[in-house]
Amino acid sequence: MEEIFDTEYTIGTRKGTAEYDSFSRSPKGTTHRRVFDEFMARDEGLLTNTLEEGVENAIKGKYAFVYIPESVYAISNNCELKELPQIVNKMHNAMAWNKHLPHRHFFNYFLNKMVETGQVDRIGRKYITQARKDCESSGEFFSMGFENVLSAFCLILFGITAGTIGLLAELCFKMICK
């Protein structure tokens, strides 16, 4: 993230979010704190009120919007934005319950089992929006699925069938007229 200081890009995030706090509450001397001090604290315009506003700013100009990639993809997944290859903010999800909750040990046991067996990762891959796979293509041809070309084949088949019926009707008409 150090490279952002050597470019003409600005960097911002959404106000009042965990991402904002990770910059504003970072220890002095860290890259996150330097980004906050040199960009966000100096220009309130870099902090957006909505996710849509941040995505729009990133598409329009030289603005890097720091937010949860899955949320950004849910709004704009049309290859106009690119995710950084390295992790800027590592977030952890947690579940909290009362320490007197009956059967809390069962919850802990089964959640740990789900993590160990990879079930939590599979759930995440299934339900979290991912970037489009073809955004990084070099413009070369890539194979299309059957469902993408079915209508073209149906149209060709209809044309061949209609042409054959027309030809047979013309031949029958000529035979009758003779």
N, C-alpha and C. Protein backbone atom coordinates (compact mmCIF):
# COMPACT_ATOMS: atom_id res chain seq x y z
N MET A 1 0.82 -1.19 0.00
CA MET A 1 0.00 0.00 0.00
C MET A 1 0.87 1.26 0.00
N GLU A 2 2.13 1.10 0.28
CA GLU A 2 3.04 2.25 0.29
C GLU A 2 3.07 2.96 -1.06
N GLU A 3 2.84 2.20 -2.14
CA GLU A 3 2.95 2.76 -3.49
C GLU A 3 1.91 3.85 -3.77
N ILE A 4 0.84 3.88 -3.00
CA ILE A 4 -0.22 4.88 -3.24
C ILE A 4 0.31 6.30 -3.05
N PHE A 5 1.35 6.46 -2.25
CA PHE A 5 1.90 7.79 -1.99
C PHE A 5 2.67 8.32 -3.20
N ASP A 6 3.11 7.43 -4.08
CA ASP A 6 3.88 7.83 -5.25
C ASP A 6 3.02 7.97 -6.50
N THR A 7 1.72 7.91 -6.35
CA THR A 7 0.82 8.04 -7.50
C THR A 7 -0.06 9.26 -7.32
N GLU A 8 -0.85 9.53 -8.34
CA GLU A 8 -1.80 10.64 -8.26
C GLU A 8 -3.16 10.20 -7.73
N TYR A 9 -3.23 8.97 -7.29
CA TYR A 9 -4.48 8.45 -6.73
C TYR A 9 -4.68 8.95 -5.30
N THR A 10 -5.93 9.09 -4.94
CA THR A 10 -6.30 9.35 -3.54
C THR A 10 -6.95 8.08 -3.01
N ILE A 11 -7.08 8.00 -1.72
CA ILE A 11 -7.64 6.79 -1.12
C ILE A 11 -8.66 7.18 -0.07
N GLY A 12 -9.75 6.44 -0.02
CA GLY A 12 -10.79 6.73 0.95
C GLY A 12 -11.60 5.49 1.25
N THR A 13 -12.54 5.67 2.15
CA THR A 13 -13.42 4.58 2.54
C THR A 13 -14.74 5.17 3.01
N ARG A 14 -15.58 4.34 3.54
CA ARG A 14 -16.89 4.79 4.00
C ARG A 14 -16.81 5.23 5.47
N LYS A 15 -17.44 6.34 5.78
CA LYS A 15 -17.44 6.87 7.15
C LYS A 15 -18.11 5.90 8.11
N GLY A 16 -17.56 5.83 9.33
CA GLY A 16 -18.20 5.08 10.40
C GLY A 16 -18.15 3.58 10.26
N THR A 17 -17.22 3.06 9.48
CA THR A 17 -17.13 1.61 9.28
C THR A 17 -15.86 1.07 9.93
N ALA A 18 -15.75 -0.23 9.97
CA ALA A 18 -14.55 -0.87 10.52
C ALA A 18 -13.32 -0.52 9.68
N GLU A 19 -13.52 -0.37 8.38
CA GLU A 19 -12.40 0.01 7.52
C GLU A 19 -11.88 1.39 7.90
N TYR A 20 -12.80 2.31 8.12
CA TYR A 20 -12.41 3.67 8.54
C TYR A 20 -11.65 3.61 9.86
N ASP A 21 -12.17 2.84 10.82
CA ASP A 21 -11.51 2.72 12.12
C ASP A 21 -10.13 2.09 11.99
N SER A 22 -9.95 1.16 11.06
CA SER A 22 -8.64 0.52 10.92
C SER A 22 -7.58 1.51 10.45
N PHE A 23 -8.00 2.56 9.75
CA PHE A 23 -7.06 3.61 9.35
C PHE A 23 -6.90 4.65 10.47
N SER A 24 -8.03 5.13 10.99
CA SER A 24 -7.97 6.24 11.95
C SER A 24 -7.40 5.83 13.30
N ARG A 25 -7.53 4.58 13.68
CA ARG A 25 -7.06 4.12 14.99
C ARG A 25 -5.75 3.35 14.93
N SER A 26 -5.12 3.34 13.78
CA SER A 26 -3.84 2.64 13.64
C SER A 26 -2.77 3.36 14.45
N PRO A 27 -1.78 2.61 14.91
CA PRO A 27 -0.69 3.26 15.66
C PRO A 27 0.09 4.22 14.77
N LYS A 28 0.59 5.26 15.36
CA LYS A 28 1.40 6.25 14.62
C LYS A 28 2.61 5.54 14.01
N GLY A 29 2.96 5.95 12.80
CA GLY A 29 4.11 5.37 12.12
C GLY A 29 3.76 4.22 11.19
N THR A 30 2.55 3.69 11.27
CA THR A 30 2.15 2.60 10.38
C THR A 30 1.66 3.17 9.05
N THR A 31 1.67 2.33 8.04
CA THR A 31 1.19 2.76 6.72
C THR A 31 -0.27 3.17 6.78
N HIS A 32 -1.08 2.41 7.51
CA HIS A 32 -2.50 2.75 7.63
C HIS A 32 -2.68 4.13 8.23
N ARG A 33 -1.93 4.44 9.26
CA ARG A 33 -2.07 5.76 9.90
C ARG A 33 -1.58 6.86 8.97
N ARG A 34 -0.52 6.58 8.23
CA ARG A 34 -0.01 7.58 7.28
C ARG A 34 -1.05 7.86 6.19
N VAL A 35 -1.71 6.81 5.70
CA VAL A 35 -2.78 6.99 4.71
C VAL A 35 -3.89 7.86 5.30
N PHE A 36 -4.26 7.57 6.53
CA PHE A 36 -5.31 8.37 7.17
C PHE A 36 -4.88 9.83 7.30
N ASP A 37 -3.67 10.06 7.80
CA ASP A 37 -3.21 11.44 8.03
C ASP A 37 -3.03 12.22 6.73
N GLU A 38 -2.50 11.58 5.70
CA GLU A 38 -2.18 12.30 4.46
C GLU A 38 -3.35 12.38 3.48
N PHE A 39 -4.31 11.51 3.60
CA PHE A 39 -5.44 11.54 2.67
C PHE A 39 -6.75 11.86 3.37
N MET A 40 -7.20 10.93 4.18
CA MET A 40 -8.56 11.00 4.73
C MET A 40 -8.76 12.16 5.70
N ALA A 41 -7.80 12.41 6.57
CA ALA A 41 -7.96 13.49 7.55
C ALA A 41 -7.88 14.86 6.88
N ARG A 42 -7.16 14.97 5.78
CA ARG A 42 -7.01 16.25 5.09
C ARG A 42 -8.19 16.59 4.19
N ASP A 43 -8.85 15.58 3.66
CA ASP A 43 -9.93 15.82 2.70
C ASP A 43 -11.14 14.96 3.06
N GLU A 44 -12.14 15.57 3.69
CA GLU A 44 -13.36 14.85 4.08
C GLU A 44 -14.11 14.28 2.87
N GLY A 45 -13.85 14.84 1.69
CA GLY A 45 -14.51 14.37 0.47
C GLY A 45 -14.12 12.96 0.08
N LEU A 46 -13.02 12.47 0.63
CA LEU A 46 -12.57 11.11 0.32
C LEU A 46 -13.34 10.07 1.12
N LEU A 47 -14.08 10.51 2.12
CA LEU A 47 -14.88 9.61 2.94
C LEU A 47 -16.32 9.68 2.46
N THR A 48 -16.87 8.54 2.09
CA THR A 48 -18.21 8.51 1.52
C THR A 48 -19.24 8.15 2.57
N ASN A 49 -20.48 8.48 2.27
CA ASN A 49 -21.58 8.14 3.17
C ASN A 49 -22.19 6.79 2.83
N THR A 50 -22.08 6.40 1.56
CA THR A 50 -22.68 5.13 1.13
C THR A 50 -21.67 4.32 0.34
N LEU A 51 -21.91 3.05 0.27
CA LEU A 51 -21.08 2.15 -0.53
C LEU A 51 -21.17 2.51 -2.00
N GLU A 52 -22.36 2.81 -2.46
CA GLU A 52 -22.57 3.14 -3.87
C GLU A 52 -21.76 4.37 -4.27
N GLU A 53 -21.70 5.35 -3.38
CA GLU A 53 -20.94 6.58 -3.64
C GLU A 53 -19.45 6.26 -3.78
N GLY A 54 -18.93 5.40 -2.93
CA GLY A 54 -17.52 5.01 -3.01
C GLY A 54 -17.20 4.28 -4.30
N VAL A 55 -18.06 3.35 -4.71
CA VAL A 55 -17.87 2.62 -5.95
C VAL A 55 -17.93 3.57 -7.14
N GLU A 56 -18.87 4.49 -7.11
CA GLU A 56 -19.00 5.48 -8.18
C GLU A 56 -17.75 6.35 -8.30
N ASN A 57 -17.21 6.80 -7.16
CA ASN A 57 -15.99 7.62 -7.17
C ASN A 57 -14.81 6.84 -7.74
N ALA A 58 -14.72 5.56 -7.39
CA ALA A 58 -13.62 4.74 -7.88
C ALA A 58 -13.72 4.53 -9.39
N ILE A 59 -14.92 4.38 -9.91
CA ILE A 59 -15.11 4.19 -11.34
C ILE A 59 -14.81 5.47 -12.10
N LYS A 60 -15.22 6.61 -11.55
CA LYS A 60 -15.07 7.89 -12.24
C LYS A 60 -13.64 8.41 -12.32
N GLY A 61 -12.87 8.28 -11.26
CA GLY A 61 -11.59 8.97 -11.27
C GLY A 61 -10.47 8.21 -10.60
N LYS A 62 -9.46 8.92 -10.25
CA LYS A 62 -8.25 8.34 -9.64
C LYS A 62 -8.44 8.27 -8.14
N TYR A 63 -9.28 7.33 -7.73
CA TYR A 63 -9.69 7.18 -6.34
C TYR A 63 -9.70 5.71 -6.00
N ALA A 64 -8.98 5.33 -4.96
CA ALA A 64 -8.97 3.94 -4.49
C ALA A 64 -9.93 3.84 -3.31
N PHE A 65 -10.92 2.98 -3.44
CA PHE A 65 -11.95 2.83 -2.42
C PHE A 65 -11.68 1.55 -1.63
N VAL A 66 -11.44 1.69 -0.34
CA VAL A 66 -11.14 0.54 0.52
C VAL A 66 -12.43 0.09 1.19
N TYR A 67 -12.85 -1.13 0.88
CA TYR A 67 -14.06 -1.67 1.48
C TYR A 67 -14.04 -3.18 1.31
N ILE A 68 -15.05 -3.85 1.79
CA ILE A 68 -15.14 -5.31 1.71
C ILE A 68 -15.39 -5.70 0.24
N PRO A 69 -14.50 -6.49 -0.36
CA PRO A 69 -14.64 -6.81 -1.78
C PRO A 69 -15.99 -7.43 -2.14
N GLU A 70 -16.52 -8.30 -1.28
CA GLU A 70 -17.79 -8.96 -1.58
C GLU A 70 -18.92 -7.95 -1.72
N SER A 71 -18.91 -6.91 -0.91
CA SER A 71 -19.95 -5.88 -0.99
C SER A 71 -19.80 -5.07 -2.26
N VAL A 72 -18.57 -4.78 -2.64
CA VAL A 72 -18.33 -4.01 -3.87
C VAL A 72 -18.76 -4.83 -5.07
N TYR A 73 -18.44 -6.13 -5.10
CA TYR A 73 -18.84 -6.98 -6.22
C TYR A 73 -20.35 -7.11 -6.32
N ALA A 74 -21.03 -7.08 -5.20
CA ALA A 74 -22.49 -7.18 -5.22
C ALA A 74 -23.10 -5.98 -5.92
N ILE A 75 -22.42 -4.83 -5.87
CA ILE A 75 -22.93 -3.61 -6.51
C ILE A 75 -22.40 -3.47 -7.93
N SER A 76 -21.10 -3.69 -8.12
CA SER A 76 -20.47 -3.46 -9.42
C SER A 76 -19.55 -4.62 -9.73
N ASN A 77 -20.04 -5.59 -10.47
CA ASN A 77 -19.24 -6.75 -10.83
C ASN A 77 -19.10 -6.82 -12.34
N ASN A 78 -18.80 -5.68 -12.95
CA ASN A 78 -18.72 -5.64 -14.40
C ASN A 78 -17.32 -5.27 -14.90
N CYS A 79 -16.31 -5.62 -14.15
CA CYS A 79 -14.90 -5.48 -14.52
C CYS A 79 -14.41 -4.04 -14.57
N GLU A 80 -15.18 -3.09 -14.05
CA GLU A 80 -14.72 -1.71 -14.02
C GLU A 80 -13.76 -1.47 -12.86
N LEU A 81 -13.83 -2.31 -11.85
CA LEU A 81 -12.98 -2.17 -10.68
C LEU A 81 -12.10 -3.40 -10.54
N LYS A 82 -10.94 -3.21 -9.94
CA LYS A 82 -10.02 -4.32 -9.74
C LYS A 82 -9.63 -4.38 -8.28
N GLU A 83 -9.64 -5.59 -7.74
CA GLU A 83 -9.26 -5.80 -6.35
C GLU A 83 -7.74 -5.86 -6.26
N LEU A 84 -7.19 -5.29 -5.19
CA LEU A 84 -5.75 -5.36 -4.97
C LEU A 84 -5.33 -6.80 -4.75
N PRO A 85 -4.15 -7.18 -5.24
CA PRO A 85 -3.73 -8.57 -5.07
C PRO A 85 -3.33 -8.90 -3.64
N GLN A 86 -3.02 -7.91 -2.82
CA GLN A 86 -2.66 -8.17 -1.43
C GLN A 86 -3.79 -7.71 -0.51
N ILE A 87 -3.81 -8.25 0.70
CA ILE A 87 -4.83 -7.91 1.67
C ILE A 87 -4.48 -6.59 2.33
N VAL A 88 -5.41 -5.63 2.29
CA VAL A 88 -5.19 -4.33 2.92
C VAL A 88 -5.62 -4.40 4.38
N ASN A 89 -6.81 -4.89 4.61
CA ASN A 89 -7.35 -5.04 5.97
C ASN A 89 -7.79 -6.48 6.14
N LYS A 90 -7.30 -7.14 7.16
CA LYS A 90 -7.74 -8.49 7.44
C LYS A 90 -8.81 -8.41 8.53
N MET A 91 -10.01 -8.82 8.18
CA MET A 91 -11.13 -8.76 9.11
C MET A 91 -11.46 -10.18 9.58
N HIS A 92 -11.88 -10.29 10.81
CA HIS A 92 -12.30 -11.56 11.37
C HIS A 92 -13.77 -11.44 11.79
N ASN A 93 -14.52 -12.46 11.49
CA ASN A 93 -15.91 -12.51 11.93
C ASN A 93 -15.99 -13.27 13.24
N ALA A 94 -16.96 -12.92 14.05
CA ALA A 94 -17.09 -13.58 15.34
C ALA A 94 -18.57 -13.78 15.67
N MET A 95 -18.80 -14.77 16.50
CA MET A 95 -20.14 -14.97 17.06
C MET A 95 -19.99 -14.80 18.56
N ALA A 96 -20.89 -14.08 19.16
CA ALA A 96 -20.83 -13.85 20.61
C ALA A 96 -22.11 -14.34 21.26
N TRP A 97 -21.96 -14.94 22.42
CA TRP A 97 -23.12 -15.33 23.21
C TRP A 97 -22.79 -15.20 24.68
N ASN A 98 -23.82 -15.21 25.47
CA ASN A 98 -23.69 -15.06 26.91
C ASN A 98 -22.89 -16.23 27.48
N LYS A 99 -22.03 -15.92 28.46
CA LYS A 99 -21.19 -16.99 29.02
C LYS A 99 -22.00 -18.02 29.80
N HIS A 100 -23.26 -17.71 30.12
CA HIS A 100 -24.12 -18.65 30.84
C HIS A 100 -25.07 -19.39 29.90
N LEU A 101 -24.85 -19.27 28.61
CA LEU A 101 -25.71 -19.93 27.64
C LEU A 101 -25.61 -21.45 27.82
N PRO A 102 -26.76 -22.10 28.03
CA PRO A 102 -26.69 -23.56 28.15
C PRO A 102 -26.23 -24.15 26.82
N HIS A 103 -25.48 -25.18 26.87
CA HIS A 103 -25.00 -25.91 25.70
C HIS A 103 -23.99 -25.12 24.86
N ARG A 104 -23.38 -24.08 25.42
CA ARG A 104 -22.40 -23.31 24.66
C ARG A 104 -21.20 -24.16 24.24
N HIS A 105 -20.92 -25.19 25.01
CA HIS A 105 -19.80 -26.08 24.69
C HIS A 105 -20.09 -26.87 23.40
N PHE A 106 -21.37 -27.20 23.18
CA PHE A 106 -21.74 -27.87 21.93
C PHE A 106 -21.54 -26.94 20.75
N PHE A 107 -21.93 -25.67 20.90
CA PHE A 107 -21.71 -24.70 19.84
C PHE A 107 -20.22 -24.61 19.50
N ASN A 108 -19.39 -24.46 20.52
CA ASN A 108 -17.95 -24.37 20.30
C ASN A 108 -17.42 -25.62 19.59
N TYR A 109 -17.84 -26.78 20.07
CA TYR A 109 -17.36 -28.04 19.51
C TYR A 109 -17.73 -28.13 18.03
N PHE A 110 -19.01 -27.91 17.70
CA PHE A 110 -19.45 -28.08 16.32
C PHE A 110 -18.92 -26.98 15.40
N LEU A 111 -18.77 -25.76 15.90
CA LEU A 111 -18.15 -24.72 15.07
C LEU A 111 -16.70 -25.06 14.77
N ASN A 112 -15.98 -25.56 15.76
CA ASN A 112 -14.60 -25.98 15.52
C ASN A 112 -14.53 -27.12 14.51
N LYS A 113 -15.45 -28.06 14.60
CA LYS A 113 -15.49 -29.17 13.64
C LYS A 113 -15.77 -28.64 12.22
N MET A 114 -16.68 -27.68 12.12
CA MET A 114 -16.98 -27.10 10.81
C MET A 114 -15.77 -26.39 10.22
N VAL A 115 -15.01 -25.72 11.05
CA VAL A 115 -13.79 -25.05 10.58
C VAL A 115 -12.75 -26.10 10.17
N GLU A 116 -12.56 -27.12 10.99
CA GLU A 116 -11.57 -28.16 10.71
C GLU A 116 -11.86 -28.92 9.43
N THR A 117 -13.12 -29.20 9.17
CA THR A 117 -13.47 -29.98 7.98
C THR A 117 -13.63 -29.12 6.73
N GLY A 118 -13.51 -27.81 6.88
CA GLY A 118 -13.62 -26.93 5.72
C GLY A 118 -15.03 -26.51 5.37
N GLN A 119 -15.99 -26.88 6.20
CA GLN A 119 -17.39 -26.55 5.92
C GLN A 119 -17.60 -25.03 5.90
N VAL A 120 -16.97 -24.31 6.81
CA VAL A 120 -17.12 -22.86 6.87
C VAL A 120 -16.58 -22.22 5.59
N ASP A 121 -15.45 -22.71 5.09
CA ASP A 121 -14.90 -22.19 3.83
C ASP A 121 -15.83 -22.49 2.66
N ARG A 122 -16.40 -23.68 2.62
CA ARG A 122 -17.33 -24.02 1.54
C ARG A 122 -18.57 -23.14 1.57
N ILE A 123 -19.08 -22.87 2.75
CA ILE A 123 -20.24 -21.98 2.87
C ILE A 123 -19.87 -20.59 2.36
N GLY A 124 -18.69 -20.11 2.73
CA GLY A 124 -18.24 -18.80 2.26
C GLY A 124 -18.11 -18.74 0.76
N ARG A 125 -17.51 -19.77 0.16
CA ARG A 125 -17.36 -19.78 -1.31
C ARG A 125 -18.71 -19.83 -2.01
N LYS A 126 -19.67 -20.50 -1.39
CA LYS A 126 -20.98 -20.64 -2.03
C LYS A 126 -21.78 -19.34 -1.98
N TYR A 127 -21.73 -18.62 -0.87
CA TYR A 127 -22.63 -17.50 -0.68
C TYR A 127 -21.99 -16.12 -0.79
N ILE A 128 -20.68 -16.03 -0.80
CA ILE A 128 -20.03 -14.72 -0.90
C ILE A 128 -19.76 -14.42 -2.36
N THR A 129 -20.17 -13.25 -2.80
CA THR A 129 -19.99 -12.84 -4.19
C THR A 129 -18.51 -12.71 -4.51
N GLN A 130 -18.09 -13.30 -5.60
CA GLN A 130 -16.69 -13.25 -6.03
C GLN A 130 -16.56 -12.38 -7.28
N ALA A 131 -15.33 -11.99 -7.57
CA ALA A 131 -15.06 -11.23 -8.80
C ALA A 131 -15.32 -12.12 -10.00
N ARG A 132 -15.68 -11.49 -11.10
CA ARG A 132 -15.87 -12.25 -12.32
C ARG A 132 -14.54 -12.85 -12.75
N LYS A 133 -14.58 -14.07 -13.22
CA LYS A 133 -13.35 -14.78 -13.62
C LYS A 133 -12.78 -14.23 -14.92
N ASP A 134 -13.60 -13.67 -15.79
CA ASP A 134 -13.13 -13.22 -17.09
C ASP A 134 -12.61 -11.78 -17.10
N CYS A 135 -12.58 -11.11 -15.96
CA CYS A 135 -12.10 -9.72 -15.92
C CYS A 135 -10.62 -9.61 -16.23
N GLU A 136 -9.86 -10.61 -15.88
CA GLU A 136 -8.42 -10.56 -16.08
C GLU A 136 -7.99 -11.19 -17.40
N SER A 137 -8.94 -11.53 -18.26
CA SER A 137 -8.56 -12.17 -19.51
C SER A 137 -7.87 -11.17 -20.42
N SER A 138 -7.09 -11.67 -21.35
CA SER A 138 -6.29 -10.81 -22.22
C SER A 138 -7.07 -10.42 -23.47
N GLY A 139 -8.35 -10.67 -23.50
CA GLY A 139 -9.14 -10.34 -24.67
C GLY A 139 -9.20 -11.49 -25.66
N GLU A 140 -8.54 -12.61 -25.33
CA GLU A 140 -8.56 -13.77 -26.19
C GLU A 140 -9.93 -14.44 -26.11
N PHE A 141 -10.18 -15.29 -27.07
CA PHE A 141 -11.42 -16.04 -27.07
C PHE A 141 -11.45 -16.99 -25.89
N PHE A 142 -12.57 -17.07 -25.21
CA PHE A 142 -12.73 -18.07 -24.17
C PHE A 142 -14.01 -18.84 -24.44
N SER A 143 -14.00 -20.10 -24.07
CA SER A 143 -15.09 -21.00 -24.36
C SER A 143 -16.37 -20.55 -23.68
N MET A 144 -17.45 -20.58 -24.44
CA MET A 144 -18.76 -20.23 -23.89
C MET A 144 -19.48 -21.52 -23.53
N GLY A 145 -20.34 -21.44 -22.54
CA GLY A 145 -21.11 -22.59 -22.13
C GLY A 145 -22.24 -22.89 -23.09
N PHE A 146 -22.78 -24.08 -23.00
CA PHE A 146 -23.87 -24.51 -23.87
C PHE A 146 -25.08 -23.58 -23.77
N GLU A 147 -25.39 -23.13 -22.54
CA GLU A 147 -26.56 -22.27 -22.36
C GLU A 147 -26.41 -20.92 -23.06
N ASN A 148 -25.16 -20.50 -23.34
CA ASN A 148 -24.94 -19.22 -24.02
C ASN A 148 -25.14 -19.31 -25.53
N VAL A 149 -25.01 -20.49 -26.10
CA VAL A 149 -25.12 -20.64 -27.55
C VAL A 149 -26.35 -21.42 -27.99
N LEU A 150 -27.16 -21.86 -27.05
CA LEU A 150 -28.34 -22.67 -27.38
C LEU A 150 -29.30 -21.91 -28.29
N SER A 151 -29.56 -20.65 -28.01
CA SER A 151 -30.51 -19.90 -28.83
C SER A 151 -30.01 -19.74 -30.27
N ALA A 152 -28.72 -19.59 -30.47
CA ALA A 152 -28.17 -19.49 -31.82
C ALA A 152 -28.38 -20.80 -32.58
N PHE A 153 -28.14 -21.93 -31.92
CA PHE A 153 -28.35 -23.21 -32.57
C PHE A 153 -29.83 -23.44 -32.87
N CYS A 154 -30.70 -23.03 -31.99
CA CYS A 154 -32.15 -23.17 -32.23
C CYS A 154 -32.57 -22.34 -33.45
N LEU A 155 -32.04 -21.15 -33.57
CA LEU A 155 -32.36 -20.28 -34.71
C LEU A 155 -31.88 -20.91 -36.01
N ILE A 156 -30.68 -21.46 -36.01
CA ILE A 156 -30.16 -22.13 -37.21
C ILE A 156 -31.01 -23.34 -37.55
N LEU A 157 -31.36 -24.14 -36.56
CA LEU A 157 -32.19 -25.32 -36.78
C LEU A 157 -33.56 -24.93 -37.32
N PHE A 158 -34.14 -23.84 -36.81
CA PHE A 158 -35.43 -23.36 -37.30
C PHE A 158 -35.30 -22.94 -38.77
N GLY A 159 -34.21 -22.26 -39.10
CA GLY A 159 -34.00 -21.83 -40.49
C GLY A 159 -33.87 -23.00 -41.44
N ILE A 160 -33.14 -24.02 -41.03
CA ILE A 160 -32.97 -25.21 -41.87
C ILE A 160 -34.32 -25.92 -42.04
N THR A 161 -35.07 -26.05 -40.95
CA THR A 161 -36.38 -26.70 -41.01
C THR A 161 -37.34 -25.91 -41.91
N ALA A 162 -37.40 -24.61 -41.74
CA ALA A 162 -38.29 -23.78 -42.56
C ALA A 162 -37.88 -23.85 -44.03
N GLY A 163 -36.58 -23.83 -44.31
CA GLY A 163 -36.10 -23.94 -45.70
C GLY A 163 -36.46 -25.26 -46.33
N THR A 164 -36.33 -26.34 -45.56
CA THR A 164 -36.66 -27.68 -46.06
C THR A 164 -38.16 -27.79 -46.34
N ILE A 165 -38.98 -27.28 -45.45
CA ILE A 165 -40.43 -27.31 -45.65
C ILE A 165 -40.80 -26.49 -46.88
N GLY A 166 -40.17 -25.33 -47.03
CA GLY A 166 -40.44 -24.50 -48.21
C GLY A 166 -40.04 -25.19 -49.50
N LEU A 167 -38.90 -25.86 -49.50
CA LEU A 167 -38.44 -26.59 -50.68
C LEU A 167 -39.40 -27.73 -51.02
N LEU A 168 -39.84 -28.49 -50.02
CA LEU A 168 -40.78 -29.58 -50.27
C LEU A 168 -42.12 -29.05 -50.78
N ALA A 169 -42.57 -27.94 -50.22
CA ALA A 169 -43.84 -27.36 -50.68
C ALA A 169 -43.72 -26.90 -52.13
N GLU A 170 -42.59 -26.32 -52.50
CA GLU A 170 -42.39 -25.87 -53.89
C GLU A 170 -42.35 -27.05 -54.85
N LEU A 171 -41.66 -28.12 -54.45
CA LEU A 171 -41.59 -29.31 -55.30
C LEU A 171 -42.98 -29.94 -55.47
N CYS A 172 -43.76 -30.00 -54.39
CA CYS A 172 -45.11 -30.54 -54.47
C CYS A 172 -45.98 -29.68 -55.37
N PHE A 173 -45.86 -28.38 -55.25
CA PHE A 173 -46.66 -27.46 -56.06
C PHE A 173 -46.32 -27.62 -57.55
N LYS A 174 -45.05 -27.79 -57.87
CA LYS A 174 -44.64 -27.98 -59.27
C LYS A 174 -45.19 -29.29 -59.82
N MET A 175 -45.20 -30.34 -59.01
CA MET A 175 -45.70 -31.64 -59.46
C MET A 175 -47.22 -31.59 -59.71
N ILE A 176 -47.91 -30.84 -58.84
CA ILE A 176 -49.36 -30.75 -58.99
C ILE A 176 -49.73 -29.92 -60.22
N CYS A 177 -48.96 -28.87 -60.47
CA CYS A 177 -49.26 -27.98 -61.59
C CYS A 177 -48.94 -28.61 -62.94
N LYS A 178 -48.15 -29.61 -63.03
CA LYS A 178 -47.79 -30.23 -64.29
C LYS A 178 -48.88 -31.10 -64.75
